Every structure is written in structure tokens, then in C-alpha cells.
Amino acid sequence: MAMHHNEKIWIAMKDNDKRVALIRLRDTIYSGVRPTLRECGFSVENVEELVKEGLILPSGKMSGGESDRYVIEEILPAGHAFISQHRTFHDERNLPSGPA
């Protein structure tokens, strides 16, 4: 299968990338801004992945050429839980093993 130089290869987001994206979105939304897909700085594919997993709610139906039109309305409860679960797991892994 030949690929052209302008074709994008989509790779699923890693959990840490999702956590970082959700935290950025949370901070933006809490500041009173409803960011467009372009303002988020995420690809349409990454936003679609977060939507499919039930982590965020966009307004309307997204399509590739309309990244300035659709906004992220909110992070859903599953998205907030994802942030909390992964932060706890990450923090526990970085704790010292015992008293120094």
C-alpha cells in the first residue's frame, strides 16, 4: 500500500496524552472560554477519540474542515474521573518508597 507524502497517519492517544488534553480543556473551560477545536490545538481525530470515549461534549457534529466552527462545551463526568484516576495512579508511582 503506497502512501502519499501528504497523508496523515492517525495514532490513538496514549492515556497520558488524554489526561494532559483534558486538563488543558478543563482549565480553559473553567476560565469561561468555550474553545473551538482549533483553539484547543488538538487534531479533529484526537477530539473525536475523546468524544467517542465519552470524555468530552462538543457542540454539533464535527467535520475535518470545520475546526473553527465547533466548540468543546464541557468535560463529561467520565472525563473528570479519567483525570482523577490517572493523576492518582501517576502520583502514587512517583512517591518515595518509605521514610528517608
Protein backbone atom coordinates (compact mmCIF):
# COMPACT_ATOMS: atom_id res chain seq x y z
CA MET A 1 0.00 0.00 0.00
CA ALA A 2 1.61 3.24 -1.13
CA MET A 3 1.22 6.38 0.95
CA HIS A 4 1.42 9.88 -0.38
CA HIS A 5 3.59 12.38 1.47
CA ASN A 6 0.59 14.50 2.47
CA GLU A 7 -1.42 11.67 4.07
CA LYS A 8 -1.68 11.70 7.84
CA ILE A 9 -1.19 8.61 9.91
CA TRP A 10 -3.59 8.58 12.84
CA ILE A 11 -2.32 7.05 16.07
CA ALA A 12 -4.56 6.56 19.09
CA MET A 13 -3.81 8.87 22.00
CA LYS A 14 -1.94 7.47 24.98
CA ASP A 15 -3.61 7.78 28.37
CA ASN A 16 -1.17 10.46 29.50
CA ASP A 17 -1.89 12.49 26.34
CA LYS A 18 -5.61 12.23 27.05
CA ARG A 19 -5.06 13.35 30.65
CA VAL A 20 -3.00 16.36 29.54
CA ALA A 21 -5.59 17.27 26.90
CA LEU A 22 -8.44 17.01 29.41
CA ILE A 23 -6.59 19.13 31.97
CA ARG A 24 -5.91 21.82 29.34
CA LEU A 25 -9.56 21.77 28.31
CA ARG A 26 -10.73 21.90 31.93
CA ASP A 27 -8.57 24.93 32.67
CA THR A 28 -9.76 26.71 29.52
CA ILE A 29 -13.43 25.97 30.14
CA TYR A 30 -13.19 26.99 33.83
CA SER A 31 -11.83 30.36 32.73
CA GLY A 32 -15.14 30.95 30.93
CA VAL A 33 -13.95 30.20 27.40
CA ARG A 34 -15.66 27.67 25.14
CA PRO A 35 -12.71 26.80 22.89
CA THR A 36 -13.02 25.87 19.25
CA LEU A 37 -11.21 22.78 18.07
CA ARG A 38 -8.51 24.99 16.56
CA GLU A 39 -8.10 26.98 19.81
CA CYS A 40 -7.65 23.71 21.70
CA GLY A 41 -4.72 22.89 19.46
CA PHE A 42 -5.89 19.30 19.04
CA SER A 43 -6.47 17.43 15.82
CA VAL A 44 -10.04 16.62 14.86
CA GLU A 45 -9.13 12.93 15.19
CA ASN A 46 -7.98 13.39 18.79
CA VAL A 47 -11.12 15.30 19.72
CA GLU A 48 -13.25 12.62 18.04
CA GLU A 49 -11.45 9.99 20.13
CA LEU A 50 -12.22 11.88 23.36
CA VAL A 51 -15.85 12.24 22.23
CA LYS A 52 -16.17 8.52 21.35
CA GLU A 53 -14.87 7.59 24.79
CA GLY A 54 -17.49 9.82 26.40
CA LEU A 55 -14.92 12.15 27.96
CA ILE A 56 -15.98 15.47 26.38
CA LEU A 57 -19.04 17.02 24.77
CA PRO A 58 -18.62 19.11 21.61
CA SER A 59 -21.32 21.33 20.16
CA GLY A 60 -22.79 19.98 16.94
CA LYS A 61 -21.24 17.44 14.61
CA MET A 62 -17.57 17.83 13.84
CA SER A 63 -16.01 17.51 10.42
CA GLY A 64 -12.40 17.82 9.34
CA GLY A 65 -12.54 21.23 7.65
CA GLU A 66 -14.58 22.99 10.30
CA SER A 67 -12.21 23.19 13.25
CA ASP A 68 -13.12 26.86 13.79
CA ARG A 69 -16.84 26.21 13.96
CA TYR A 70 -17.33 23.69 16.72
CA VAL A 71 -16.55 24.24 20.37
CA ILE A 72 -15.95 21.97 23.32
CA GLU A 73 -18.96 22.52 25.55
CA GLU A 74 -17.86 20.56 28.59
CA ILE A 75 -15.82 17.78 30.04
CA LEU A 76 -18.20 14.98 30.94
CA PRO A 77 -18.13 13.17 34.32
CA ALA A 78 -16.15 10.33 32.75
CA GLY A 79 -13.53 12.87 31.65
CA HIS A 80 -13.20 14.28 35.16
CA ALA A 81 -12.94 10.73 36.52
CA PHE A 82 -10.25 9.95 33.91
CA ILE A 83 -8.21 12.95 35.11
CA SER A 84 -8.57 11.92 38.76
CA GLN A 85 -7.79 8.24 38.23
CA HIS A 86 -4.69 8.87 36.18
CA ARG A 87 -3.42 11.66 38.41
CA THR A 88 -3.73 9.38 41.45
CA PHE A 89 -2.01 6.50 39.67
CA HIS A 90 0.75 8.80 38.38
CA ASP A 91 1.27 10.40 41.81
CA GLU A 92 1.40 7.02 43.57
CA ARG A 93 4.10 5.79 41.19
CA ASN A 94 6.26 8.84 41.95
CA LEU A 95 6.00 8.67 45.74
CA PRO A 96 9.12 7.73 47.71
CA SER A 97 9.10 4.10 48.79
CA GLY A 98 9.39 4.79 52.51
CA PRO A 99 10.74 7.09 55.20
CA ALA A 100 14.06 8.66 54.33
